[in-house]
């Protein structure tokens, strides 16, 4: 009796997470966001699997990044950050010069 109660308590404490049911390739995400695929590939290097990116492997060592819905949101934030950084540098070209 006590063992059954302990098992039920353990099961009740487990974290339940939804399974990933679909992902979008980087080509599709580039199309959705209206951004260059190569540029997205470059900035997505900053992302980790917990950010919603996975690698989908094909024949040989070829792979393509793919994103969950959460990953697309995170990538969109990175795009905004990179664009804002570029705007700042363009607006104040002195920031690109090294100071002594």
Protein backbone atom coordinates (compact mmCIF):
# COMPACT_ATOMS: atom_id res chain seq x y z
CA UNK A 1 0.00 0.00 0.00
CA UNK A 2 2.74 2.47 0.94
CA UNK A 3 4.71 1.53 -2.19
CA UNK A 4 1.73 2.30 -4.43
CA UNK A 5 1.28 5.68 -2.75
CA UNK A 6 4.98 6.47 -3.23
CA UNK A 7 4.81 5.52 -6.91
CA UNK A 8 1.73 7.69 -7.44
CA UNK A 9 3.43 10.62 -5.68
CA UNK A 10 6.52 10.24 -7.87
CA UNK A 11 4.46 10.14 -11.06
CA UNK A 12 2.50 13.21 -9.96
CA UNK A 13 5.73 15.22 -9.51
CA UNK A 14 7.08 14.52 -12.99
CA UNK A 15 7.20 17.39 -15.42
CA UNK A 16 4.96 16.86 -18.40
CA UNK A 17 5.97 18.63 -21.60
CA UNK A 18 4.34 18.74 -24.98
CA UNK A 19 6.17 16.88 -27.72
CA UNK A 20 7.46 18.78 -30.72
CA UNK A 21 5.12 17.90 -33.56
CA UNK A 22 6.63 19.98 -36.35
CA UNK A 23 9.61 22.15 -37.26
CA UNK A 24 10.35 24.62 -40.04
CA UNK A 25 13.52 24.48 -42.12
CA UNK A 26 15.68 27.56 -42.30
CA UNK A 27 14.62 28.04 -45.94
CA UNK A 28 10.97 28.18 -44.89
CA UNK A 29 11.72 30.48 -41.95
CA UNK A 30 13.65 32.83 -44.26
CA UNK A 31 10.59 32.94 -46.50
CA UNK A 32 8.25 33.55 -43.54
CA UNK A 33 10.41 36.34 -42.13
CA UNK A 34 11.36 37.86 -45.47
CA UNK A 35 15.07 37.57 -44.65
CA UNK A 36 18.11 36.16 -46.42
CA UNK A 37 18.58 32.46 -45.64
CA UNK A 38 22.38 32.68 -45.43
CA UNK A 39 22.17 35.60 -43.01
CA UNK A 40 19.66 33.74 -40.82
CA UNK A 41 21.92 30.69 -40.86
CA UNK A 42 24.79 32.89 -39.69
CA UNK A 43 22.94 34.49 -36.79
CA UNK A 44 21.23 31.24 -35.77
CA UNK A 45 24.67 29.94 -34.75
CA UNK A 46 24.11 31.91 -31.53
CA UNK A 47 21.12 29.69 -30.66
CA UNK A 48 21.08 26.55 -28.52
CA UNK A 49 18.64 23.61 -28.70
CA UNK A 50 16.72 25.00 -25.72
CA UNK A 51 16.13 28.12 -27.85
CA UNK A 52 14.10 26.02 -30.30
CA UNK A 53 16.66 25.08 -32.96
CA UNK A 54 17.57 21.57 -34.04
CA UNK A 55 19.79 20.16 -36.77
CA UNK A 56 18.13 17.94 -39.36
CA UNK A 57 20.68 15.66 -41.02
CA UNK A 58 20.49 14.33 -44.55
CA UNK A 59 22.74 12.03 -46.53
CA UNK A 60 26.37 12.37 -45.52
CA UNK A 61 27.18 15.17 -43.13
CA UNK A 62 24.77 17.65 -44.69
CA UNK A 63 22.32 19.22 -42.30
CA UNK A 64 19.93 22.12 -42.17
CA UNK A 65 18.84 24.08 -39.14
CA UNK A 66 15.17 23.73 -38.30
CA UNK A 67 13.09 25.69 -35.83
CA UNK A 68 10.14 25.08 -33.58
CA UNK A 69 7.53 27.84 -33.23
CA UNK A 70 9.42 28.96 -30.12
CA UNK A 71 12.66 28.89 -32.13
CA UNK A 72 11.17 31.15 -34.80
CA UNK A 73 10.19 33.66 -32.11
CA UNK A 74 13.72 33.56 -30.69
CA UNK A 75 15.28 33.90 -34.14
CA UNK A 76 12.99 36.87 -34.85
CA UNK A 77 14.33 38.52 -31.68
CA UNK A 78 17.91 37.90 -32.82
CA UNK A 79 17.08 39.44 -36.20
CA UNK A 80 15.74 42.54 -34.43
CA UNK A 81 18.85 42.77 -32.24
CA UNK A 82 21.21 42.45 -35.22
CA UNK A 83 19.27 45.02 -37.22
CA UNK A 84 19.27 47.46 -34.30
CA UNK A 85 23.03 46.99 -33.85
CA UNK A 86 23.55 47.68 -37.56
CA UNK A 87 21.39 50.83 -37.31
CA UNK A 88 23.39 52.10 -34.36
CA UNK A 89 26.68 51.59 -36.18
CA UNK A 90 25.33 53.29 -39.28
CA UNK A 91 23.91 56.21 -37.29
CA UNK A 92 27.16 56.76 -35.38
CA UNK A 93 30.12 55.72 -37.56
CA UNK A 94 32.56 56.94 -34.88
CA UNK A 95 31.60 53.91 -32.77
CA UNK A 96 33.24 51.65 -35.33
CA UNK A 97 36.58 53.44 -34.95
CA UNK A 98 38.95 52.22 -32.30
CA UNK A 99 39.77 54.72 -29.62
CA UNK A 100 43.21 54.96 -28.05
